[in-house]
């Protein structure tokens, strides 16, 4: 039998986009291991609307 994993899907949303005043949102879907990283994650990812690398935080 396959072992049930601790991986869950999380949504990452751009932190700088809200203050820019431009329409739309930059969101990414990824997975994380809840056992190894129980707290919320922050990753630098590319925002295509702002055309630069920005910090994306995990949202609920």
C-alpha atoms as a PDB file:
ATOM      1  CA  UNK A   1       0.000   0.000   0.000  1.00  0.00           C
ATOM      2  CA  UNK A   2       1.112   3.523  -0.699  1.00  0.00           C
ATOM      3  CA  UNK A   3       1.879   5.667   2.324  1.00  0.00           C
ATOM      4  CA  UNK A   4      -0.379   8.688   2.793  1.00  0.00           C
ATOM      5  CA  UNK A   5       1.758  11.824   2.483  1.00  0.00           C
ATOM      6  CA  UNK A   6       1.926  15.042   4.467  1.00  0.00           C
ATOM      7  CA  UNK A   7       1.868  17.204   1.337  1.00  0.00           C
ATOM      8  CA  UNK A   8      -0.877  19.811   1.006  1.00  0.00           C
ATOM      9  CA  UNK A   9      -1.696  22.329  -1.721  1.00  0.00           C
ATOM     10  CA  UNK A  10      -1.131  25.990  -0.843  1.00  0.00           C
ATOM     11  CA  UNK A  11      -1.815  29.245  -2.691  1.00  0.00           C
ATOM     12  CA  UNK A  12       0.863  31.945  -2.868  1.00  0.00           C
ATOM     13  CA  UNK A  13      -0.242  35.556  -3.425  1.00  0.00           C
ATOM     14  CA  UNK A  14       1.893  38.598  -4.267  1.00  0.00           C
ATOM     15  CA  UNK A  15       2.375  41.087  -1.423  1.00  0.00           C
ATOM     16  CA  UNK A  16       3.361  44.117  -3.538  1.00  0.00           C
ATOM     17  CA  UNK A  17       0.510  43.890  -6.046  1.00  0.00           C
ATOM     18  CA  UNK A  18      -2.250  45.212  -3.749  1.00  0.00           C
ATOM     19  CA  UNK A  19      -0.528  48.568  -3.232  1.00  0.00           C
ATOM     20  CA  UNK A  20       0.354  49.067  -6.896  1.00  0.00           C
ATOM     21  CA  UNK A  21      -3.181  49.940  -8.005  1.00  0.00           C
ATOM     22  CA  UNK A  22      -3.011  47.685 -11.083  1.00  0.00           C
ATOM     23  CA  UNK A  23      -5.934  45.310 -11.766  1.00  0.00           C
ATOM     24  CA  UNK A  24      -5.646  41.547 -11.298  1.00  0.00           C
ATOM     25  CA  UNK A  25      -3.689  39.371  -8.886  1.00  0.00           C
ATOM     26  CA  UNK A  26      -0.566  37.239  -9.090  1.00  0.00           C
ATOM     27  CA  UNK A  27      -1.203  33.833  -7.537  1.00  0.00           C
ATOM     28  CA  UNK A  28       0.659  30.542  -7.731  1.00  0.00           C
ATOM     29  CA  UNK A  29      -0.417  27.075  -6.544  1.00  0.00           C
ATOM     30  CA  UNK A  30       2.255  24.829  -5.068  1.00  0.00           C
ATOM     31  CA  UNK A  31       2.607  22.025  -2.535  1.00  0.00           C
ATOM     32  CA  UNK A  32       4.426  21.908   0.778  1.00  0.00           C
ATOM     33  CA  UNK A  33       5.168  19.268   3.376  1.00  0.00           C
ATOM     34  CA  UNK A  34       3.184  20.313   6.436  1.00  0.00           C
ATOM     35  CA  UNK A  35       5.364  18.180   8.729  1.00  0.00           C
ATOM     36  CA  UNK A  36       8.611  19.940   7.719  1.00  0.00           C
ATOM     37  CA  UNK A  37       7.201  23.494   7.300  1.00  0.00           C
ATOM     38  CA  UNK A  38       4.223  24.016   9.633  1.00  0.00           C
ATOM     39  CA  UNK A  39       4.360  27.822   9.376  1.00  0.00           C
ATOM     40  CA  UNK A  40       3.393  29.895   6.325  1.00  0.00           C
ATOM     41  CA  UNK A  41       5.929  30.113   3.506  1.00  0.00           C
ATOM     42  CA  UNK A  42       7.288  33.150   1.643  1.00  0.00           C
ATOM     43  CA  UNK A  43       8.920  32.707  -1.755  1.00  0.00           C
ATOM     44  CA  UNK A  44      10.235  35.206  -4.312  1.00  0.00           C
ATOM     45  CA  UNK A  45       8.422  34.548  -7.588  1.00  0.00           C
ATOM     46  CA  UNK A  46       7.883  36.445 -10.844  1.00  0.00           C
ATOM     47  CA  UNK A  47       4.826  38.714 -11.044  1.00  0.00           C
ATOM     48  CA  UNK A  48       3.875  39.002 -14.755  1.00  0.00           C
ATOM     49  CA  UNK A  49       1.677  42.084 -14.207  1.00  0.00           C
ATOM     50  CA  UNK A  50       4.413  44.092 -12.441  1.00  0.00           C
ATOM     51  CA  UNK A  51       7.096  42.407 -14.619  1.00  0.00           C
ATOM     52  CA  UNK A  52       9.496  41.805 -11.716  1.00  0.00           C
ATOM     53  CA  UNK A  53      10.354  39.370  -8.936  1.00  0.00           C
ATOM     54  CA  UNK A  54       8.240  39.953  -5.821  1.00  0.00           C
ATOM     55  CA  UNK A  55       7.626  38.205  -2.486  1.00  0.00           C
ATOM     56  CA  UNK A  56       4.645  35.840  -2.532  1.00  0.00           C
ATOM     57  CA  UNK A  57       3.125  34.721   0.797  1.00  0.00           C
ATOM     58  CA  UNK A  58       0.934  31.740   1.553  1.00  0.00           C
ATOM     59  CA  UNK A  59      -2.757  32.566   1.984  1.00  0.00           C
ATOM     60  CA  UNK A  60      -5.455  30.393   3.507  1.00  0.00           C
END
